[in-house]
Amino acid sequence: MDFTLILFIVLAVVAVLTAIGMLVSRSAVYAALFLVLNFATVAVLYLLLGAPFIAMAQVTVYAGAIMVLFLFVIMLLGAEKLPKGQVLPWQRPLAIALTVVLLAEAGFLLFQRLSITTALSNPEAALNTEGAVQAIGTMLFSQYLLPFEVTSVLLLVAMIGAIVLTKKEKGET
């Protein structure tokens, strides 16, 4: 086993553990900090895959600006602890259906990625051309579409979590 494979395995374990820590944490601040650590781990995984632009965007945009905004909103509204809530009857079937759709999309993207043989399969050659930003955008929405989608879903879940944490019930002040 070489160093890159060992580093990948360690980072994958850290990414999974921080995601689990974010999900089971009862404190919104700790959950946000677990999410920041997860974003940083995913950024290092992007570096291992040879995508430094996406790694820097991950750190700058997600782990930096957006998570600072989430922490500010959580602390400003005083929603540090997750309250006990009621489960609506339609939530579980909708969550299961959306999970199946997302997993089907991920599977499709993985199988499609294995069969693609385009000029963009060599990132170094694409980045050495004149339109480097255009080449990065093309690679982002073709070769790296699955990590991009996973990151956007993770951000969406974090936003929904912040909204749920700050939602007031009817009659509360």
N, C-alpha and C. Protein backbone atom coordinates (compact mmCIF):
# COMPACT_ATOMS: atom_id res chain seq x y z
N MET A 1 0.85 -1.19 0.00
CA MET A 1 0.00 0.00 0.00
C MET A 1 0.89 1.24 0.00
N ASP A 2 0.59 2.15 -0.89
CA ASP A 2 1.37 3.37 -0.93
C ASP A 2 0.73 4.44 -0.05
N PHE A 3 1.45 5.55 0.09
CA PHE A 3 1.02 6.62 1.00
C PHE A 3 -0.31 7.23 0.58
N THR A 4 -0.53 7.38 -0.72
CA THR A 4 -1.78 7.99 -1.20
C THR A 4 -2.99 7.15 -0.83
N LEU A 5 -2.89 5.84 -0.96
CA LEU A 5 -4.01 4.97 -0.60
C LEU A 5 -4.28 5.00 0.90
N ILE A 6 -3.23 4.99 1.70
CA ILE A 6 -3.41 5.06 3.16
C ILE A 6 -4.05 6.39 3.54
N LEU A 7 -3.57 7.49 2.95
CA LEU A 7 -4.16 8.81 3.23
C LEU A 7 -5.62 8.85 2.80
N PHE A 8 -5.93 8.27 1.65
CA PHE A 8 -7.32 8.23 1.20
C PHE A 8 -8.21 7.48 2.18
N ILE A 9 -7.75 6.33 2.66
CA ILE A 9 -8.54 5.52 3.59
C ILE A 9 -8.75 6.28 4.89
N VAL A 10 -7.70 6.91 5.41
CA VAL A 10 -7.83 7.68 6.65
C VAL A 10 -8.81 8.84 6.47
N LEU A 11 -8.69 9.57 5.35
CA LEU A 11 -9.60 10.69 5.09
C LEU A 11 -11.03 10.22 4.88
N ALA A 12 -11.20 9.09 4.24
CA ALA A 12 -12.56 8.56 4.05
C ALA A 12 -13.19 8.21 5.39
N VAL A 13 -12.42 7.59 6.27
CA VAL A 13 -12.94 7.25 7.60
C VAL A 13 -13.28 8.52 8.38
N VAL A 14 -12.41 9.52 8.32
CA VAL A 14 -12.68 10.79 9.01
C VAL A 14 -13.93 11.46 8.43
N ALA A 15 -14.09 11.44 7.12
CA ALA A 15 -15.26 12.06 6.49
C ALA A 15 -16.55 11.37 6.94
N VAL A 16 -16.53 10.04 6.99
CA VAL A 16 -17.72 9.31 7.42
C VAL A 16 -18.01 9.57 8.90
N LEU A 17 -16.97 9.56 9.73
CA LEU A 17 -17.18 9.79 11.17
C LEU A 17 -17.67 11.21 11.46
N THR A 18 -17.15 12.20 10.75
CA THR A 18 -17.64 13.56 10.98
C THR A 18 -19.06 13.73 10.47
N ALA A 19 -19.42 13.04 9.41
CA ALA A 19 -20.81 13.10 8.93
C ALA A 19 -21.75 12.45 9.95
N ILE A 20 -21.34 11.33 10.51
CA ILE A 20 -22.16 10.69 11.55
C ILE A 20 -22.23 11.58 12.78
N GLY A 21 -21.10 12.18 13.17
CA GLY A 21 -21.10 13.10 14.31
C GLY A 21 -22.02 14.28 14.09
N MET A 22 -22.08 14.78 12.87
CA MET A 22 -22.98 15.89 12.56
C MET A 22 -24.44 15.46 12.70
N LEU A 23 -24.73 14.25 12.26
CA LEU A 23 -26.12 13.78 12.29
C LEU A 23 -26.61 13.48 13.71
N VAL A 24 -25.75 12.95 14.56
CA VAL A 24 -26.20 12.54 15.89
C VAL A 24 -26.00 13.61 16.95
N SER A 25 -25.36 14.70 16.62
CA SER A 25 -25.10 15.76 17.59
C SER A 25 -26.40 16.48 17.96
N ARG A 26 -26.62 16.65 19.25
CA ARG A 26 -27.81 17.36 19.71
C ARG A 26 -27.58 18.87 19.75
N SER A 27 -26.35 19.30 19.68
CA SER A 27 -26.02 20.72 19.70
C SER A 27 -25.80 21.20 18.27
N ALA A 28 -26.46 22.29 17.91
CA ALA A 28 -26.35 22.81 16.55
C ALA A 28 -24.94 23.34 16.28
N VAL A 29 -24.30 23.89 17.28
CA VAL A 29 -22.95 24.41 17.09
C VAL A 29 -21.98 23.26 16.83
N TYR A 30 -22.08 22.19 17.60
CA TYR A 30 -21.21 21.03 17.38
C TYR A 30 -21.49 20.40 16.01
N ALA A 31 -22.75 20.35 15.62
CA ALA A 31 -23.09 19.80 14.30
C ALA A 31 -22.46 20.65 13.19
N ALA A 32 -22.51 21.97 13.34
CA ALA A 32 -21.89 22.85 12.34
C ALA A 32 -20.37 22.67 12.31
N LEU A 33 -19.76 22.47 13.47
CA LEU A 33 -18.32 22.26 13.50
C LEU A 33 -17.94 20.90 12.89
N PHE A 34 -18.76 19.88 13.12
CA PHE A 34 -18.53 18.60 12.45
C PHE A 34 -18.64 18.78 10.93
N LEU A 35 -19.59 19.60 10.49
CA LEU A 35 -19.75 19.84 9.06
C LEU A 35 -18.55 20.57 8.48
N VAL A 36 -17.98 21.52 9.22
CA VAL A 36 -16.78 22.21 8.76
C VAL A 36 -15.63 21.22 8.60
N LEU A 37 -15.47 20.33 9.58
CA LEU A 37 -14.41 19.32 9.49
C LEU A 37 -14.66 18.38 8.31
N ASN A 38 -15.92 18.05 8.06
CA ASN A 38 -16.24 17.21 6.91
C ASN A 38 -15.90 17.92 5.61
N PHE A 39 -16.23 19.20 5.50
CA PHE A 39 -15.90 19.97 4.31
C PHE A 39 -14.38 20.01 4.08
N ALA A 40 -13.62 20.20 5.16
CA ALA A 40 -12.16 20.23 5.02
C ALA A 40 -11.62 18.88 4.57
N THR A 41 -12.18 17.80 5.10
CA THR A 41 -11.74 16.46 4.70
C THR A 41 -12.05 16.20 3.24
N VAL A 42 -13.22 16.60 2.80
CA VAL A 42 -13.59 16.42 1.39
C VAL A 42 -12.69 17.26 0.49
N ALA A 43 -12.30 18.44 0.97
CA ALA A 43 -11.38 19.28 0.18
C ALA A 43 -10.04 18.58 -0.01
N VAL A 44 -9.53 17.93 1.03
CA VAL A 44 -8.27 17.20 0.89
C VAL A 44 -8.45 16.01 -0.05
N LEU A 45 -9.62 15.37 -0.02
CA LEU A 45 -9.88 14.29 -0.97
C LEU A 45 -9.88 14.82 -2.41
N TYR A 46 -10.41 16.02 -2.61
CA TYR A 46 -10.36 16.64 -3.94
C TYR A 46 -8.91 16.87 -4.36
N LEU A 47 -8.06 17.28 -3.43
CA LEU A 47 -6.65 17.46 -3.75
C LEU A 47 -6.01 16.14 -4.16
N LEU A 48 -6.37 15.06 -3.47
CA LEU A 48 -5.84 13.75 -3.85
C LEU A 48 -6.30 13.33 -5.24
N LEU A 49 -7.49 13.77 -5.64
CA LEU A 49 -8.00 13.44 -6.96
C LEU A 49 -7.43 14.34 -8.05
N GLY A 50 -6.64 15.32 -7.67
CA GLY A 50 -6.04 16.21 -8.66
C GLY A 50 -6.94 17.35 -9.08
N ALA A 51 -7.79 17.82 -8.17
CA ALA A 51 -8.70 18.92 -8.47
C ALA A 51 -8.48 20.06 -7.48
N PRO A 52 -7.37 20.80 -7.62
CA PRO A 52 -7.07 21.85 -6.63
C PRO A 52 -8.05 23.01 -6.66
N PHE A 53 -8.61 23.34 -7.83
CA PHE A 53 -9.57 24.44 -7.90
C PHE A 53 -10.83 24.12 -7.09
N ILE A 54 -11.34 22.91 -7.24
CA ILE A 54 -12.54 22.51 -6.50
C ILE A 54 -12.23 22.43 -5.01
N ALA A 55 -11.04 21.98 -4.66
CA ALA A 55 -10.66 21.91 -3.24
C ALA A 55 -10.63 23.31 -2.62
N MET A 56 -10.06 24.27 -3.32
CA MET A 56 -10.03 25.63 -2.79
C MET A 56 -11.42 26.25 -2.73
N ALA A 57 -12.24 25.96 -3.73
CA ALA A 57 -13.62 26.44 -3.68
C ALA A 57 -14.37 25.82 -2.51
N GLN A 58 -14.11 24.56 -2.25
CA GLN A 58 -14.74 23.86 -1.12
C GLN A 58 -14.38 24.55 0.20
N VAL A 59 -13.12 24.82 0.39
CA VAL A 59 -12.67 25.43 1.64
C VAL A 59 -13.15 26.88 1.74
N THR A 60 -13.00 27.62 0.67
CA THR A 60 -13.34 29.04 0.70
C THR A 60 -14.83 29.28 0.83
N VAL A 61 -15.59 28.64 -0.02
CA VAL A 61 -17.03 28.91 -0.07
C VAL A 61 -17.77 28.18 1.04
N TYR A 62 -17.62 26.87 1.10
CA TYR A 62 -18.43 26.08 2.02
C TYR A 62 -17.90 26.14 3.45
N ALA A 63 -16.66 25.72 3.66
CA ALA A 63 -16.13 25.66 5.03
C ALA A 63 -15.89 27.06 5.57
N GLY A 64 -15.67 28.02 4.71
CA GLY A 64 -15.40 29.37 5.17
C GLY A 64 -16.66 30.20 5.31
N ALA A 65 -17.11 30.75 4.22
CA ALA A 65 -18.17 31.76 4.25
C ALA A 65 -19.52 31.21 4.71
N ILE A 66 -19.96 30.12 4.15
CA ILE A 66 -21.31 29.64 4.44
C ILE A 66 -21.42 29.10 5.85
N MET A 67 -20.41 28.37 6.32
CA MET A 67 -20.48 27.83 7.68
C MET A 67 -20.36 28.94 8.73
N VAL A 68 -19.60 29.98 8.45
CA VAL A 68 -19.56 31.12 9.36
C VAL A 68 -20.94 31.77 9.43
N LEU A 69 -21.60 31.88 8.29
CA LEU A 69 -22.95 32.43 8.27
C LEU A 69 -23.91 31.55 9.07
N PHE A 70 -23.84 30.22 8.90
CA PHE A 70 -24.70 29.32 9.68
C PHE A 70 -24.45 29.46 11.17
N LEU A 71 -23.19 29.49 11.58
CA LEU A 71 -22.88 29.63 13.00
C LEU A 71 -23.38 30.97 13.53
N PHE A 72 -23.25 32.02 12.74
CA PHE A 72 -23.74 33.33 13.16
C PHE A 72 -25.25 33.31 13.36
N VAL A 73 -25.97 32.71 12.43
CA VAL A 73 -27.44 32.64 12.55
C VAL A 73 -27.84 31.79 13.75
N ILE A 74 -27.17 30.66 13.95
CA ILE A 74 -27.49 29.78 15.07
C ILE A 74 -27.25 30.51 16.39
N MET A 75 -26.13 31.18 16.51
CA MET A 75 -25.83 31.88 17.76
C MET A 75 -26.72 33.10 17.94
N LEU A 76 -27.05 33.80 16.87
CA LEU A 76 -27.89 35.00 16.96
C LEU A 76 -29.30 34.66 17.41
N LEU A 77 -29.84 33.57 16.88
CA LEU A 77 -31.22 33.20 17.20
C LEU A 77 -31.32 32.32 18.44
N GLY A 78 -30.20 31.93 19.00
CA GLY A 78 -30.22 31.16 20.24
C GLY A 78 -30.78 29.76 20.06
N ALA A 79 -30.46 29.11 18.98
CA ALA A 79 -30.97 27.76 18.72
C ALA A 79 -29.84 26.75 18.87
N GLU A 80 -29.12 26.80 19.98
CA GLU A 80 -27.98 25.91 20.16
C GLU A 80 -28.39 24.47 20.39
N LYS A 81 -29.50 24.23 21.05
CA LYS A 81 -29.95 22.87 21.36
C LYS A 81 -31.11 22.48 20.45
N LEU A 82 -31.10 21.25 20.00
CA LEU A 82 -32.14 20.74 19.13
C LEU A 82 -33.34 20.33 19.98
N PRO A 83 -34.51 20.94 19.76
CA PRO A 83 -35.67 20.58 20.55
C PRO A 83 -36.30 19.28 20.06
N LYS A 84 -37.05 18.64 20.94
CA LYS A 84 -37.80 17.45 20.53
C LYS A 84 -38.96 17.91 19.66
N GLY A 85 -39.15 17.25 18.55
CA GLY A 85 -40.22 17.65 17.64
C GLY A 85 -41.09 16.48 17.27
N GLN A 86 -42.18 16.79 16.63
CA GLN A 86 -43.08 15.74 16.20
C GLN A 86 -42.77 15.37 14.75
N VAL A 87 -42.99 14.13 14.41
CA VAL A 87 -42.75 13.65 13.05
C VAL A 87 -44.07 13.67 12.30
N LEU A 88 -44.05 14.31 11.14
CA LEU A 88 -45.24 14.36 10.32
C LEU A 88 -45.34 13.05 9.53
N PRO A 89 -46.55 12.57 9.25
CA PRO A 89 -46.70 11.26 8.60
C PRO A 89 -46.13 11.19 7.19
N TRP A 90 -46.03 12.28 6.49
CA TRP A 90 -45.54 12.26 5.11
C TRP A 90 -44.02 12.41 5.02
N GLN A 91 -43.34 12.71 6.12
CA GLN A 91 -41.91 12.97 6.07
C GLN A 91 -41.10 11.73 5.71
N ARG A 92 -41.37 10.61 6.37
CA ARG A 92 -40.57 9.40 6.14
C ARG A 92 -40.72 8.88 4.71
N PRO A 93 -41.94 8.75 4.14
CA PRO A 93 -42.03 8.28 2.74
C PRO A 93 -41.36 9.24 1.75
N LEU A 94 -41.49 10.54 1.99
CA LEU A 94 -40.84 11.51 1.11
C LEU A 94 -39.32 11.39 1.21
N ALA A 95 -38.80 11.24 2.41
CA ALA A 95 -37.35 11.09 2.59
C ALA A 95 -36.85 9.83 1.91
N ILE A 96 -37.58 8.74 2.03
CA ILE A 96 -37.17 7.49 1.39
C ILE A 96 -37.20 7.62 -0.13
N ALA A 97 -38.23 8.25 -0.66
CA ALA A 97 -38.33 8.43 -2.11
C ALA A 97 -37.20 9.32 -2.64
N LEU A 98 -36.92 10.41 -1.94
CA LEU A 98 -35.84 11.29 -2.38
C LEU A 98 -34.48 10.61 -2.25
N THR A 99 -34.30 9.77 -1.24
CA THR A 99 -33.05 9.03 -1.09
C THR A 99 -32.86 8.05 -2.24
N VAL A 100 -33.93 7.37 -2.63
CA VAL A 100 -33.84 6.43 -3.75
C VAL A 100 -33.49 7.17 -5.04
N VAL A 101 -34.11 8.32 -5.27
CA VAL A 101 -33.81 9.11 -6.47
C VAL A 101 -32.35 9.56 -6.46
N LEU A 102 -31.87 10.04 -5.30
CA LEU A 102 -30.50 10.51 -5.22
C LEU A 102 -29.50 9.36 -5.40
N LEU A 103 -29.78 8.20 -4.84
CA LEU A 103 -28.89 7.06 -5.01
C LEU A 103 -28.91 6.55 -6.45
N ALA A 104 -30.08 6.60 -7.10
CA ALA A 104 -30.15 6.21 -8.50
C ALA A 104 -29.33 7.17 -9.37
N GLU A 105 -29.42 8.45 -9.08
CA GLU A 105 -28.62 9.43 -9.81
C GLU A 105 -27.13 9.20 -9.58
N ALA A 106 -26.75 8.94 -8.34
CA ALA A 106 -25.34 8.68 -8.04
C ALA A 106 -24.85 7.43 -8.76
N GLY A 107 -25.65 6.38 -8.75
CA GLY A 107 -25.28 5.16 -9.46
C GLY A 107 -25.15 5.39 -10.95
N PHE A 108 -26.09 6.13 -11.52
CA PHE A 108 -26.03 6.45 -12.95
C PHE A 108 -24.76 7.23 -13.28
N LEU A 109 -24.44 8.23 -12.43
CA LEU A 109 -23.25 9.04 -12.68
C LEU A 109 -21.98 8.20 -12.56
N LEU A 110 -21.94 7.29 -11.59
CA LEU A 110 -20.77 6.43 -11.43
C LEU A 110 -20.58 5.51 -12.63
N PHE A 111 -21.66 4.88 -13.08
CA PHE A 111 -21.55 3.99 -14.23
C PHE A 111 -21.27 4.75 -15.52
N GLN A 112 -21.85 5.94 -15.66
CA GLN A 112 -21.58 6.75 -16.83
C GLN A 112 -20.13 7.22 -16.84
N ARG A 113 -19.61 7.55 -15.66
CA ARG A 113 -18.23 8.02 -15.57
C ARG A 113 -17.25 6.92 -15.98
N LEU A 114 -17.59 5.68 -15.68
CA LEU A 114 -16.71 4.58 -16.05
C LEU A 114 -16.66 4.37 -17.56
N SER A 115 -17.73 4.74 -18.26
CA SER A 115 -17.78 4.49 -19.70
C SER A 115 -17.36 5.69 -20.54
N ILE A 116 -17.15 6.82 -19.91
CA ILE A 116 -16.81 8.02 -20.68
C ILE A 116 -15.34 7.99 -21.09
N THR A 117 -15.10 8.19 -22.36
CA THR A 117 -13.73 8.34 -22.85
C THR A 117 -13.70 9.60 -23.71
N THR A 118 -13.53 10.74 -23.05
CA THR A 118 -13.50 12.01 -23.76
C THR A 118 -12.13 12.65 -23.61
N ALA A 119 -11.98 13.76 -24.23
CA ALA A 119 -10.71 14.50 -24.12
C ALA A 119 -10.52 15.07 -22.73
N LEU A 120 -11.61 15.24 -21.98
CA LEU A 120 -11.49 15.80 -20.63
C LEU A 120 -11.11 14.76 -19.59
N SER A 121 -10.88 13.52 -20.00
CA SER A 121 -10.47 12.52 -19.03
C SER A 121 -9.05 12.77 -18.54
N ASN A 122 -8.30 13.63 -19.22
CA ASN A 122 -6.96 14.02 -18.77
C ASN A 122 -7.03 15.46 -18.27
N PRO A 123 -7.15 15.68 -16.95
CA PRO A 123 -7.31 17.04 -16.43
C PRO A 123 -6.13 17.95 -16.72
N GLU A 124 -4.91 17.42 -16.73
CA GLU A 124 -3.75 18.27 -16.97
C GLU A 124 -3.78 18.86 -18.37
N ALA A 125 -4.19 18.06 -19.35
CA ALA A 125 -4.26 18.56 -20.72
C ALA A 125 -5.35 19.61 -20.86
N ALA A 126 -6.46 19.43 -20.17
CA ALA A 126 -7.55 20.40 -20.27
C ALA A 126 -7.18 21.71 -19.60
N LEU A 127 -6.41 21.65 -18.51
CA LEU A 127 -6.07 22.88 -17.79
C LEU A 127 -4.95 23.65 -18.48
N ASN A 128 -4.19 23.02 -19.36
CA ASN A 128 -3.11 23.71 -20.04
C ASN A 128 -3.57 24.43 -21.29
N THR A 129 -4.84 24.39 -21.60
CA THR A 129 -5.35 25.09 -22.78
C THR A 129 -5.68 26.53 -22.40
N GLU A 130 -6.09 27.32 -23.38
CA GLU A 130 -6.35 28.74 -23.15
C GLU A 130 -7.51 28.99 -22.20
N GLY A 131 -8.65 28.39 -22.39
CA GLY A 131 -9.81 28.65 -21.56
C GLY A 131 -9.83 27.77 -20.32
N ALA A 132 -8.92 28.02 -19.39
CA ALA A 132 -8.79 27.15 -18.21
C ALA A 132 -10.06 27.16 -17.36
N VAL A 133 -10.67 28.30 -17.18
CA VAL A 133 -11.89 28.36 -16.38
C VAL A 133 -13.02 27.61 -17.07
N GLN A 134 -13.10 27.74 -18.38
CA GLN A 134 -14.11 27.00 -19.13
C GLN A 134 -13.86 25.51 -19.04
N ALA A 135 -12.60 25.10 -19.09
CA ALA A 135 -12.26 23.68 -18.97
C ALA A 135 -12.60 23.16 -17.57
N ILE A 136 -12.35 23.99 -16.56
CA ILE A 136 -12.70 23.59 -15.19
C ILE A 136 -14.22 23.46 -15.06
N GLY A 137 -14.95 24.40 -15.63
CA GLY A 137 -16.41 24.31 -15.60
C GLY A 137 -16.93 23.08 -16.32
N THR A 138 -16.34 22.77 -17.45
CA THR A 138 -16.75 21.58 -18.19
C THR A 138 -16.44 20.32 -17.40
N MET A 139 -15.25 20.26 -16.79
CA MET A 139 -14.91 19.10 -15.97
C MET A 139 -15.80 19.01 -14.74
N LEU A 140 -16.15 20.17 -14.15
CA LEU A 140 -16.99 20.19 -12.96
C LEU A 140 -18.35 19.57 -13.23
N PHE A 141 -18.92 19.86 -14.41
CA PHE A 141 -20.24 19.34 -14.72
C PHE A 141 -20.22 18.08 -15.57
N SER A 142 -19.06 17.49 -15.77
CA SER A 142 -19.00 16.20 -16.45
C SER A 142 -18.26 15.19 -15.58
N GLN A 143 -16.96 15.35 -15.44
CA GLN A 143 -16.16 14.37 -14.71
C GLN A 143 -16.39 14.42 -13.21
N TYR A 144 -16.59 15.62 -12.64
CA TYR A 144 -16.75 15.77 -11.19
C TYR A 144 -18.19 16.13 -10.81
N LEU A 145 -19.16 15.70 -11.59
CA LEU A 145 -20.55 16.04 -11.31
C LEU A 145 -21.04 15.40 -10.00
N LEU A 146 -20.66 14.16 -9.75
CA LEU A 146 -21.12 13.49 -8.53
C LEU A 146 -20.61 14.18 -7.27
N PRO A 147 -19.31 14.49 -7.12
CA PRO A 147 -18.90 15.22 -5.91
C PRO A 147 -19.55 16.60 -5.81
N PHE A 148 -19.79 17.25 -6.94
CA PHE A 148 -20.46 18.55 -6.93
C PHE A 148 -21.89 18.40 -6.42
N GLU A 149 -22.60 17.38 -6.88
CA GLU A 149 -23.97 17.14 -6.42
C GLU A 149 -24.01 16.78 -4.94
N VAL A 150 -23.07 15.95 -4.49
CA VAL A 150 -23.02 15.56 -3.08
C VAL A 150 -22.79 16.79 -2.20
N THR A 151 -21.90 17.66 -2.62
CA THR A 151 -21.63 18.87 -1.85
C THR A 151 -22.85 19.77 -1.81
N SER A 152 -23.55 19.91 -2.93
CA SER A 152 -24.73 20.77 -2.94
C SER A 152 -25.85 20.18 -2.08
N VAL A 153 -26.01 18.86 -2.07
CA VAL A 153 -27.02 18.24 -1.22
C VAL A 153 -26.65 18.42 0.25
N LEU A 154 -25.38 18.30 0.57
CA LEU A 154 -24.94 18.50 1.95
C LEU A 154 -25.20 19.93 2.40
N LEU A 155 -24.95 20.89 1.53
CA LEU A 155 -25.24 22.28 1.86
C LEU A 155 -26.74 22.51 2.02
N LEU A 156 -27.54 21.91 1.17
CA LEU A 156 -28.99 22.04 1.27
C LEU A 156 -29.49 21.47 2.59
N VAL A 157 -28.97 20.32 3.00
CA VAL A 157 -29.38 19.72 4.27
C VAL A 157 -28.99 20.62 5.43
N ALA A 158 -27.82 21.22 5.37
CA ALA A 158 -27.39 22.13 6.43
C ALA A 158 -28.30 23.36 6.50
N MET A 159 -28.71 23.88 5.34
CA MET A 159 -29.62 25.03 5.34
C MET A 159 -30.97 24.66 5.93
N ILE A 160 -31.49 23.50 5.54
CA ILE A 160 -32.78 23.06 6.08
C ILE A 160 -32.67 22.86 7.58
N GLY A 161 -31.55 22.29 8.04
CA GLY A 161 -31.34 22.11 9.47
C GLY A 161 -31.33 23.44 10.21
N ALA A 162 -30.69 24.47 9.64
CA ALA A 162 -30.67 25.78 10.28
C ALA A 162 -32.07 26.38 10.34
N ILE A 163 -32.85 26.18 9.30
CA ILE A 163 -34.22 26.70 9.30
C ILE A 163 -35.07 25.98 10.33
N VAL A 164 -34.95 24.66 10.40
CA VAL A 164 -35.73 23.88 11.37
C VAL A 164 -35.35 24.26 12.79
N LEU A 165 -34.07 24.49 13.05
CA LEU A 165 -33.62 24.84 14.39
C LEU A 165 -34.16 26.20 14.84
N THR A 166 -34.33 27.11 13.91
CA THR A 166 -34.76 28.45 14.29
C THR A 166 -36.26 28.67 14.15
N LYS A 167 -36.99 27.66 13.69
CA LYS A 167 -38.44 27.80 13.49
C LYS A 167 -39.15 27.86 14.83
N LYS A 168 -40.03 28.78 14.96
CA LYS A 168 -40.84 28.93 16.16
C LYS A 168 -42.21 28.28 15.92
N GLU A 169 -42.71 27.61 16.93
CA GLU A 169 -44.05 27.04 16.84
C GLU A 169 -45.08 28.14 16.99
N LYS A 170 -46.31 27.89 16.57
CA LYS A 170 -47.37 28.89 16.68
C LYS A 170 -47.64 29.18 18.16
N GLY A 171 -47.69 30.44 18.50
CA GLY A 171 -47.97 30.83 19.86
C GLY A 171 -46.72 31.09 20.69
N GLU A 172 -45.53 30.69 20.21
CA GLU A 172 -44.30 30.96 20.95
C GLU A 172 -43.81 32.35 20.64
N THR A 173 -43.07 32.91 21.58
CA THR A 173 -42.50 34.22 21.34
C THR A 173 -41.03 34.12 21.09
